[in-house]
C-alpha atoms as a PDB file:
ATOM      1  CA  MET A   1     -26.716 -41.171 -65.847  1.00  0.00           C
ATOM      2  CA  ASP A   2     -25.414 -37.774 -65.267  1.00  0.00           C
ATOM      3  CA  MET A   3     -23.169 -36.777 -62.406  1.00  0.00           C
ATOM      4  CA  LYS A   4     -25.778 -34.865 -60.365  1.00  0.00           C
ATOM      5  CA  LYS A   5     -28.183 -37.858 -60.241  1.00  0.00           C
ATOM      6  CA  LEU A   6     -25.302 -40.161 -59.244  1.00  0.00           C
ATOM      7  CA  LEU A   7     -24.247 -37.827 -56.457  1.00  0.00           C
ATOM      8  CA  ALA A   8     -27.882 -37.477 -55.313  1.00  0.00           C
ATOM      9  CA  ILE A   9     -27.964 -41.261 -54.798  1.00  0.00           C
ATOM     10  CA  ILE A  10     -24.445 -41.821 -53.388  1.00  0.00           C
ATOM     11  CA  ILE A  11     -24.413 -39.043 -50.774  1.00  0.00           C
ATOM     12  CA  PRO A  12     -27.616 -40.147 -48.967  1.00  0.00           C
ATOM     13  CA  LEU A  13     -26.337 -43.749 -49.039  1.00  0.00           C
ATOM     14  CA  PHE A  14     -23.091 -42.719 -47.349  1.00  0.00           C
ATOM     15  CA  VAL A  15     -24.986 -40.674 -44.728  1.00  0.00           C
ATOM     16  CA  VAL A  16     -27.205 -43.636 -43.894  1.00  0.00           C
ATOM     17  CA  LEU A  17     -24.159 -45.928 -43.792  1.00  0.00           C
ATOM     18  CA  PHE A  18     -22.250 -43.611 -41.391  1.00  0.00           C
ATOM     19  CA  ILE A  19     -25.292 -43.292 -39.141  1.00  0.00           C
ATOM     20  CA  ALA A  20     -25.726 -47.060 -39.072  1.00  0.00           C
ATOM     21  CA  ILE A  21     -22.046 -47.609 -38.248  1.00  0.00           C
ATOM     22  CA  GLY A  22     -22.269 -45.002 -35.448  1.00  0.00           C
ATOM     23  CA  VAL A  23     -25.350 -46.659 -33.918  1.00  0.00           C
ATOM     24  CA  ILE A  24     -23.678 -50.078 -34.066  1.00  0.00           C
ATOM     25  CA  LEU A  25     -20.474 -48.818 -32.442  1.00  0.00           C
ATOM     26  CA  TYR A  26     -22.477 -47.033 -29.747  1.00  0.00           C
ATOM     27  CA  VAL A  27     -24.432 -50.191 -28.907  1.00  0.00           C
ATOM     28  CA  ILE A  28     -21.337 -52.358 -28.840  1.00  0.00           C
ATOM     29  CA  LEU A  29     -19.029 -49.971 -26.943  1.00  0.00           C
ATOM     30  CA  ASN A  30     -21.492 -48.381 -24.462  1.00  0.00           C
ATOM     31  CA  PRO A  31     -20.543 -49.618 -20.952  1.00  0.00           C
ATOM     32  CA  SER A  32     -24.088 -49.295 -19.626  1.00  0.00           C
ATOM     33  CA  ASN A  33     -25.409 -51.603 -22.283  1.00  0.00           C
ATOM     34  CA  PRO A  34     -26.862 -54.813 -20.728  1.00  0.00           C
ATOM     35  CA  VAL A  35     -25.012 -56.848 -23.401  1.00  0.00           C
ATOM     36  CA  ASN A  36     -21.738 -55.620 -21.869  1.00  0.00           C
ATOM     37  CA  GLY A  37     -22.660 -56.904 -18.387  1.00  0.00           C
ATOM     38  CA  VAL A  38     -23.514 -53.627 -16.580  1.00  0.00           C
ATOM     39  CA  GLN A  39     -26.961 -52.179 -16.198  1.00  0.00           C
ATOM     40  CA  ASN A  40     -27.142 -48.583 -15.026  1.00  0.00           C
ATOM     41  CA  GLY A  41     -23.854 -48.998 -13.145  1.00  0.00           C
ATOM     42  CA  TYR A  42     -25.085 -51.810 -10.870  1.00  0.00           C
ATOM     43  CA  GLU A  43     -23.748 -55.223 -11.657  1.00  0.00           C
ATOM     44  CA  ASP A  44     -25.690 -57.152  -8.998  1.00  0.00           C
ATOM     45  CA  ALA A  45     -28.788 -54.993  -8.907  1.00  0.00           C
ATOM     46  CA  GLY A  46     -31.703 -56.929  -7.442  1.00  0.00           C
ATOM     47  CA  LYS A  47     -29.690 -60.018  -6.663  1.00  0.00           C
ATOM     48  CA  LYS A  48     -28.768 -59.314  -3.044  1.00  0.00           C
ATOM     49  CA  GLU A  49     -31.211 -58.448  -0.290  1.00  0.00           C
ATOM     50  CA  VAL A  50     -30.183 -55.658   2.060  1.00  0.00           C
ATOM     51  CA  PHE A  51     -30.756 -55.804   5.826  1.00  0.00           C
ATOM     52  CA  VAL A  52     -30.394 -52.619   7.835  1.00  0.00           C
ATOM     53  CA  PHE A  53     -30.196 -52.078  11.605  1.00  0.00           C
ATOM     54  CA  HIS A  54     -31.087 -48.586  12.769  1.00  0.00           C
ATOM     55  CA  ASP A  55     -31.579 -47.390  16.333  1.00  0.00           C
ATOM     56  CA  ASP A  56     -34.221 -44.659  16.566  1.00  0.00           C
ATOM     57  CA  GLU A  57     -32.092 -42.668  19.003  1.00  0.00           C
ATOM     58  CA  PRO A  58     -29.149 -40.645  17.665  1.00  0.00           C
ATOM     59  CA  PHE A  59     -25.761 -40.825  19.378  1.00  0.00           C
ATOM     60  CA  ILE A  60     -25.002 -37.554  21.204  1.00  0.00           C
ATOM     61  CA  THR A  61     -21.676 -37.181  22.997  1.00  0.00           C
ATOM     62  CA  ASN A  62     -19.094 -34.561  23.781  1.00  0.00           C
ATOM     63  CA  LEU A  63     -15.819 -34.542  21.873  1.00  0.00           C
ATOM     64  CA  LYS A  64     -12.553 -35.532  23.556  1.00  0.00           C
ATOM     65  CA  ASP A  65     -11.081 -32.664  25.610  1.00  0.00           C
ATOM     66  CA  SER A  66     -13.684 -30.233  24.293  1.00  0.00           C
ATOM     67  CA  ASN A  67     -16.962 -28.491  25.130  1.00  0.00           C
ATOM     68  CA  SER A  68     -18.265 -29.327  21.657  1.00  0.00           C
ATOM     69  CA  TYR A  69     -20.871 -31.994  21.032  1.00  0.00           C
ATOM     70  CA  LEU A  70     -21.191 -34.591  18.274  1.00  0.00           C
ATOM     71  CA  LYS A  71     -24.578 -35.857  17.159  1.00  0.00           C
ATOM     72  CA  VAL A  72     -24.525 -38.895  14.893  1.00  0.00           C
ATOM     73  CA  ASP A  73     -27.322 -41.061  13.463  1.00  0.00           C
ATOM     74  CA  ILE A  74     -26.039 -44.366  12.149  1.00  0.00           C
ATOM     75  CA  SER A  75     -27.504 -47.192  10.057  1.00  0.00           C
ATOM     76  CA  ILE A  76     -25.694 -50.541   9.944  1.00  0.00           C
ATOM     77  CA  GLU A  77     -26.055 -52.786   6.905  1.00  0.00           C
ATOM     78  CA  VAL A  78     -25.624 -56.542   7.477  1.00  0.00           C
ATOM     79  CA  GLU A  79     -25.958 -59.695   5.387  1.00  0.00           C
ATOM     80  CA  SER A  80     -29.059 -61.286   7.008  1.00  0.00           C
ATOM     81  CA  GLN A  81     -32.071 -60.712   9.224  1.00  0.00           C
ATOM     82  CA  LYS A  82     -30.337 -62.902  11.829  1.00  0.00           C
ATOM     83  CA  ASP A  83     -27.591 -60.316  12.037  1.00  0.00           C
ATOM     84  CA  VAL A  84     -30.132 -57.526  12.518  1.00  0.00           C
ATOM     85  CA  ASP A  85     -31.582 -59.582  15.368  1.00  0.00           C
ATOM     86  CA  VAL A  86     -28.112 -59.976  16.932  1.00  0.00           C
ATOM     87  CA  LEU A  87     -27.688 -56.196  16.781  1.00  0.00           C
ATOM     88  CA  ASN A  88     -31.148 -55.578  18.279  1.00  0.00           C
ATOM     89  CA  ASN A  89     -30.633 -58.108  21.071  1.00  0.00           C
ATOM     90  CA  ASN A  90     -27.323 -56.446  21.953  1.00  0.00           C
ATOM     91  CA  LEU A  91     -28.436 -52.874  21.524  1.00  0.00           C
ATOM     92  CA  HIS A  92     -26.882 -51.888  24.848  1.00  0.00           C
ATOM     93  CA  LYS A  93     -23.494 -53.158  23.728  1.00  0.00           C
ATOM     94  CA  VAL A  94     -23.818 -51.557  20.308  1.00  0.00           C
ATOM     95  CA  ARG A  95     -24.750 -48.118  21.754  1.00  0.00           C
ATOM     96  CA  ASP A  96     -22.051 -48.311  24.432  1.00  0.00           C
ATOM     97  CA  ARG A  97     -19.310 -49.199  21.965  1.00  0.00           C
ATOM     98  CA  ILE A  98     -20.281 -46.538  19.423  1.00  0.00           C
ATOM     99  CA  ILE A  99     -20.461 -43.884  22.166  1.00  0.00           C
ATOM    100  CA  LEU A 100     -16.951 -44.935  23.367  1.00  0.00           C
ATOM    101  CA  ILE A 101     -15.640 -44.605  19.833  1.00  0.00           C
ATOM    102  CA  LEU A 102     -17.264 -41.204  19.292  1.00  0.00           C
ATOM    103  CA  ARG A 103     -16.068 -39.863  22.655  1.00  0.00           C
ATOM    104  CA  ASP A 104     -12.507 -40.612  21.506  1.00  0.00           C
ATOM    105  CA  VAL A 105     -12.770 -38.134  18.634  1.00  0.00           C
ATOM    106  CA  SER A 106     -11.232 -34.699  19.158  1.00  0.00           C
ATOM    107  CA  GLU A 107     -11.959 -31.383  17.458  1.00  0.00           C
ATOM    108  CA  ASP A 108      -8.736 -31.773  15.496  1.00  0.00           C
ATOM    109  CA  ASP A 109      -9.878 -35.194  14.326  1.00  0.00           C
ATOM    110  CA  MET A 110     -13.147 -33.633  13.120  1.00  0.00           C
ATOM    111  CA  LYS A 111     -11.164 -31.351  10.817  1.00  0.00           C
ATOM    112  CA  ARG A 112      -9.754 -34.358   8.873  1.00  0.00           C
ATOM    113  CA  GLY A 113     -11.351 -35.043   5.557  1.00  0.00           C
ATOM    114  CA  ASP A 114     -11.406 -38.786   6.171  1.00  0.00           C
ATOM    115  CA  ILE A 115     -12.856 -38.817   9.699  1.00  0.00           C
ATOM    116  CA  GLN A 116     -16.114 -40.476   8.658  1.00  0.00           C
ATOM    117  CA  GLU A 117     -14.263 -43.264   6.858  1.00  0.00           C
ATOM    118  CA  ILE A 118     -12.007 -43.778   9.925  1.00  0.00           C
ATOM    119  CA  LEU A 119     -15.094 -43.982  12.175  1.00  0.00           C
ATOM    120  CA  ARG A 120     -16.866 -46.361   9.759  1.00  0.00           C
ATOM    121  CA  ASN A 121     -13.902 -48.741   9.849  1.00  0.00           C
ATOM    122  CA  ARG A 122     -13.454 -48.545  13.604  1.00  0.00           C
ATOM    123  CA  ILE A 123     -17.161 -49.017  14.375  1.00  0.00           C
ATOM    124  CA  LYS A 124     -17.359 -52.000  11.987  1.00  0.00           C
ATOM    125  CA  GLN A 125     -14.242 -53.647  13.444  1.00  0.00           C
ATOM    126  CA  GLU A 126     -15.258 -53.161  17.076  1.00  0.00           C
ATOM    127  CA  LEU A 127     -18.880 -54.246  16.625  1.00  0.00           C
ATOM    128  CA  GLU A 128     -17.855 -57.359  14.777  1.00  0.00           C
ATOM    129  CA  GLY A 129     -15.396 -58.105  17.591  1.00  0.00           C
ATOM    130  CA  ILE A 130     -17.793 -57.713  20.531  1.00  0.00           C
ATOM    131  CA  LEU A 131     -20.767 -59.360  18.809  1.00  0.00           C
ATOM    132  CA  ASN A 132     -18.781 -62.189  17.187  1.00  0.00           C
ATOM    133  CA  ILE A 133     -20.155 -61.493  13.667  1.00  0.00           C
ATOM    134  CA  ASN A 134     -18.342 -60.829  10.408  1.00  0.00           C
ATOM    135  CA  THR A 135     -21.285 -59.765   8.343  1.00  0.00           C
ATOM    136  CA  ILE A 136     -21.396 -55.941   8.613  1.00  0.00           C
ATOM    137  CA  THR A 137     -21.307 -54.726   4.988  1.00  0.00           C
ATOM    138  CA  GLY A 138     -21.714 -51.006   5.626  1.00  0.00           C
ATOM    139  CA  ILE A 139     -21.856 -48.273   8.243  1.00  0.00           C
ATOM    140  CA  TYR A 140     -23.862 -45.235   7.061  1.00  0.00           C
ATOM    141  CA  PHE A 141     -24.108 -41.830   8.663  1.00  0.00           C
ATOM    142  CA  ASN A 142     -27.597 -40.395   8.293  1.00  0.00           C
ATOM    143  CA  GLU A 143     -26.614 -37.413  10.385  1.00  0.00           C
ATOM    144  CA  PHE A 144     -23.156 -36.179  11.412  1.00  0.00           C
ATOM    145  CA  VAL A 145     -23.191 -32.791  13.245  1.00  0.00           C
ATOM    146  CA  MET A 146     -20.613 -31.145  15.483  1.00  0.00           C
ATOM    147  CA  GLN A 147     -21.777 -28.248  17.614  1.00  0.00           C
END
């Protein structure tokens, strides 16, 4: 067999071999591969039901020592429908506590990059305290406007 025929057989075999090795390594090492335990970045996707409390009325209040206003629309994520019912049955307490928290925010506080995270933590802590629940999993701002 002459050298050209041998090369014509060996080169395509190496190309196919390298492609196969690349595909195998991609499948094994790809973090979004279901074999590796993560699907599209969500480990527990579909396993946990989400319950959300949302008051139809936004929270509008003036800022501390200011003529500016703050308008906030909040959704509260909890672990069960029972907890949503607790929030609904105590809507007056929920609204009052959130308004008290928001009225304590100054214009200087609003300039902080982490103000929403600070408010999330404070709202969660205070609502769990006054309602005697420990099942709030998230506080979400649907609207957060200072005027």
